[in-house]
Protein backbone atom coordinates (compact mmCIF):
# COMPACT_ATOMS: atom_id res chain seq x y z
CA MET A 1 28.86 -44.82 10.95
CA VAL A 2 27.84 -45.68 14.41
CA GLY A 3 24.86 -44.21 15.50
CA ARG A 4 23.43 -43.24 12.23
CA LYS A 5 20.36 -44.34 10.51
CA GLU A 6 19.96 -45.67 6.95
CA GLY A 7 19.52 -42.57 4.70
CA GLN A 8 20.61 -39.97 7.21
CA GLY A 9 22.98 -37.35 6.29
CA LYS A 10 22.93 -38.04 2.67
CA GLY A 11 21.38 -34.62 1.77
CA MET A 12 17.52 -33.57 1.58
CA GLY A 13 16.10 -36.55 -0.05
CA GLN A 14 13.83 -36.96 -3.03
CA MET A 15 10.57 -35.75 -1.33
CA GLY A 16 12.47 -32.41 0.06
CA LYS A 17 13.77 -31.80 -3.55
CA TRP A 18 10.31 -32.08 -4.93
CA TRP A 19 9.03 -29.85 -2.89
CA ILE A 20 11.53 -27.01 -3.66
CA VAL A 21 10.82 -27.64 -7.28
CA LEU A 22 7.21 -27.18 -6.92
CA PHE A 23 8.07 -23.91 -4.96
CA CYS A 24 10.12 -22.69 -7.62
CA ALA A 25 7.49 -23.55 -10.37
CA LEU A 26 4.79 -21.62 -8.00
CA PHE A 27 6.92 -18.74 -7.62
CA PHE A 28 7.58 -18.25 -11.40
CA TRP A 29 4.11 -19.06 -12.22
CA MET A 30 2.98 -16.17 -10.05
CA GLN A 31 5.40 -13.69 -11.40
CA GLY A 32 3.69 -13.76 -14.74
CA SER A 33 5.32 -15.16 -18.10
CA GLU A 34 5.20 -11.94 -20.01
CA GLY A 35 7.30 -9.59 -17.39
CA LYS A 36 4.14 -7.78 -16.65
CA PHE A 37 2.86 -6.76 -13.35
CA THR A 38 0.89 -9.11 -11.49
CA ARG A 39 -1.29 -9.10 -8.34
CA SER A 40 -1.08 -12.21 -5.75
CA TRP A 41 -3.57 -14.97 -6.83
CA ALA A 42 -4.27 -15.38 -2.99
CA SER A 43 -5.62 -11.65 -2.40
CA PRO A 44 -7.61 -9.26 -4.82
CA SER A 45 -5.16 -6.24 -3.66
CA ILE A 46 -1.34 -5.97 -4.05
CA PHE A 47 -1.09 -4.37 -0.54
CA HIS A 48 -1.16 -6.18 2.76
CA THR A 49 -2.62 -4.14 5.76
CA TYR A 50 -1.62 -4.30 9.28
CA VAL A 51 -4.24 -5.27 11.94
CA GLY A 52 -3.39 -2.94 15.15
CA GLN A 53 -0.70 -0.48 14.75
CA MET A 54 3.08 -1.20 13.87
CA ARG A 55 5.34 1.97 14.52
CA ALA A 56 7.73 2.02 11.88
CA PRO A 57 11.28 1.30 13.49
CA ASP A 58 13.38 4.38 13.45
CA PHE A 59 16.71 4.40 11.59
CA SER A 60 19.53 6.21 9.94
CA LEU A 61 21.15 5.36 6.91
CA GLU A 62 23.51 6.85 4.45
CA ASP A 63 22.53 7.97 0.97
CA LEU A 64 24.71 7.65 -2.20
CA GLN A 65 26.24 11.23 -1.36
CA GLY A 66 27.14 10.09 2.02
CA LYS A 67 24.49 12.24 3.57
CA MET A 68 22.96 10.42 6.77
CA VAL A 69 18.94 10.27 6.37
CA ASN A 70 17.04 9.55 9.50
CA LEU A 71 13.33 8.26 9.18
CA ARG A 72 12.42 10.17 12.17
CA ASP A 73 13.15 13.44 10.43
CA TYR A 74 10.20 12.55 7.58
CA ARG A 75 7.28 12.47 10.39
CA GLY A 76 4.50 14.00 9.58
CA GLN A 77 5.10 12.88 5.78
CA VAL A 78 3.65 9.94 3.96
CA VAL A 79 6.91 7.67 3.40
CA LEU A 80 7.60 4.99 1.18
CA LEU A 81 10.24 2.58 1.73
CA ASN A 82 11.24 0.21 -0.97
CA PHE A 83 13.79 -2.51 -0.32
CA TRP A 84 15.59 -3.73 -3.47
CA ALA A 85 18.98 -4.62 -4.98
CA THR A 86 20.26 -4.24 -8.66
CA TRP A 87 20.57 -7.82 -9.35
CA CYS A 88 16.62 -8.62 -8.70
CA PRO A 89 14.73 -8.33 -11.71
CA ASP A 90 11.14 -7.43 -10.31
CA CYS A 91 13.19 -4.45 -8.32
CA ARG A 92 14.36 -3.23 -12.01
CA LYS A 93 11.01 -3.65 -13.41
CA GLU A 94 9.24 -1.30 -10.63
CA GLY A 95 11.90 1.51 -10.90
CA PRO A 96 10.67 3.79 -13.78
CA SER A 97 7.30 4.07 -11.97
CA PHE A 98 8.85 5.09 -8.75
CA ASN A 99 10.17 8.47 -10.26
CA THR A 100 6.87 8.78 -11.81
CA LEU A 101 5.37 8.79 -8.30
CA HIS A 102 8.05 10.83 -6.79
CA ASN A 103 7.28 13.53 -9.06
CA GLN A 104 3.57 13.46 -8.84
CA TYR A 105 3.63 13.55 -5.16
CA ARG A 106 6.54 15.10 -3.40
CA SER A 107 5.23 18.58 -3.35
CA GLN A 108 2.05 16.88 -1.05
CA GLY A 109 4.40 15.43 1.85
CA PHE A 110 5.53 12.37 0.22
CA ALA A 111 8.91 10.81 0.79
CA LEU A 112 10.11 7.94 -1.19
CA PHE A 113 13.26 6.42 -0.44
CA ARG A 114 14.90 2.97 -2.19
CA ILE A 115 16.77 1.25 0.54
CA ASP A 116 19.37 -0.94 -1.50
CA THR A 117 20.29 -4.15 0.83
CA LYS A 118 24.07 -5.59 1.09
CA GLU A 119 25.56 -3.90 -2.16
CA SER A 120 28.36 -1.43 -2.76
CA ARG A 121 28.22 2.03 -3.63
CA GLU A 122 29.91 1.35 -6.68
CA THR A 123 27.51 -1.10 -7.51
CA ILE A 124 24.70 0.84 -7.55
CA ARG A 125 26.01 3.89 -9.08
CA LYS A 126 26.98 1.94 -12.12
CA PHE A 127 23.44 0.51 -11.91
CA LEU A 128 21.93 4.16 -11.79
CA GLU A 129 23.96 5.48 -14.74
CA LYS A 130 21.91 3.13 -16.80
CA LYS A 131 18.56 3.84 -14.86
CA PRO A 132 18.83 7.14 -13.07
CA SER A 133 16.74 7.47 -9.91
CA GLN A 134 14.99 10.96 -9.01
CA PHE A 135 15.18 10.53 -5.23
CA SER A 136 17.23 9.43 -2.73
CA ILE A 137 18.64 5.96 -2.53
CA LEU A 138 20.05 4.53 0.62
CA LEU A 139 22.51 2.13 1.43
CA ASP A 140 21.81 -0.97 4.12
CA THR A 141 25.08 -2.45 3.45
CA LYS A 142 24.40 -5.02 6.31
CA GLY A 143 20.95 -5.66 6.02
CA LYS A 144 20.06 -4.65 9.34
CA VAL A 145 17.24 -2.23 8.51
CA GLY A 146 15.87 -4.87 6.34
CA ARG A 147 15.53 -7.36 9.57
CA LEU A 148 14.11 -4.33 11.48
CA PHE A 149 11.19 -4.25 9.07
CA GLY A 150 11.00 -8.17 8.61
CA VAL A 151 12.04 -7.94 5.01
CA TRP A 152 12.57 -11.35 3.43
CA ALA A 153 11.96 -11.02 -0.15
CA HIS A 154 12.80 -8.07 -2.70
CA PRO A 155 11.43 -6.17 -3.65
CA THR A 156 9.27 -5.30 -0.37
CA THR A 157 7.57 -1.92 0.01
CA TYR A 158 6.32 -0.06 3.00
CA LEU A 159 3.89 2.89 3.34
CA ILE A 160 3.90 4.66 6.26
CA ASP A 161 1.70 7.32 7.36
CA ARG A 162 2.30 10.77 8.74
CA GLN A 163 1.96 9.64 12.37
CA GLY A 164 4.81 7.06 11.78
CA ILE A 165 2.55 3.95 11.45
CA VAL A 166 3.25 1.52 9.02
CA ARG A 167 0.05 0.88 7.15
CA TYR A 168 0.54 -1.23 3.74
CA ARG A 169 3.29 -3.51 2.69
CA SER A 170 3.70 -5.19 -0.52
CA VAL A 171 6.09 -8.22 -1.74
CA GLY A 172 6.76 -8.36 -5.32
CA ALA A 173 6.94 -5.63 -8.07
CA VAL A 174 4.19 -3.33 -8.38
CA ASP A 175 3.18 -0.52 -10.68
CA TRP A 176 3.25 2.45 -9.04
CA THR A 177 1.60 4.18 -11.57
CA ASP A 178 -1.44 2.08 -11.16
CA ALA A 179 -5.00 3.28 -9.95
CA GLU A 180 -4.84 1.20 -6.89
CA ALA A 181 -1.27 2.16 -5.70
CA LYS A 182 -2.15 5.91 -6.32
CA GLY A 183 -5.28 5.69 -4.62
CA ILE A 184 -3.67 4.18 -1.54
CA ILE A 185 -1.09 7.17 -1.75
CA GLU A 186 -3.32 9.70 -1.85
CA GLN A 187 -5.75 8.34 0.91
CA LEU A 188 -2.62 8.59 3.44
CA LEU A 189 -1.50 12.25 2.23
CA HIS A 190 -5.48 12.98 2.90
CA GLU A 191 -5.30 11.71 6.27
CA ARG A 192 -3.85 14.37 9.15
C-alpha cells in the first residue's frame, strides 16, 4: 500500500501483546488465588480518600420494582453506592456482606444501593432468585451514572457522607463485615 510503513496496520505487535499478558497476570495475582478478599498491594487500606471535596453527582434511577430513587432524597444519611454487574465474580463475592451491613446500620441513617450497570431487569431478577438482596438494586441501563462517578471497573464503591460529599472509594471486592470497612462507616455515621 502507498504511504504505509512496514509493520503498520498489522495489529498490536509483539510488545503490545506482552504488555497485555503482564497486565492480566498482575491483575489476577492481586485478586488472590483462593477467592478471598485481598487488599491492594500498593496501599495498606482498601479505601481511597479524596483530597478536597467532591460533591456526589445527583441522579435518579429506577429500582427493580420501577420506583424512581433520587440520591438527593438521601442527604442527611450516609450513603454507600456500589457499582456492580451479575457477571462480575468479585461483585458476586461481596454481595452477602452487603446484606449484613445493611441490616446492621440501616436504623442509624445508613442507605445502601447497588447500581447494576447495563443489564436487563430480567437478568438481575434471575440472579437475585439465587442470591437475594435485602436492599434496593438500581438500574443504570446505559451506564450514565457510572460515567458521572468515573467508574471504570466492577465492583467500585463510593461512601458519601451526610452532606453529600464523596469521602471514600474502593475498587475491587471488599468484605464489608471487616473491621476497617465498618470502622469507616461508623465514623461517617457519627459525624454531623
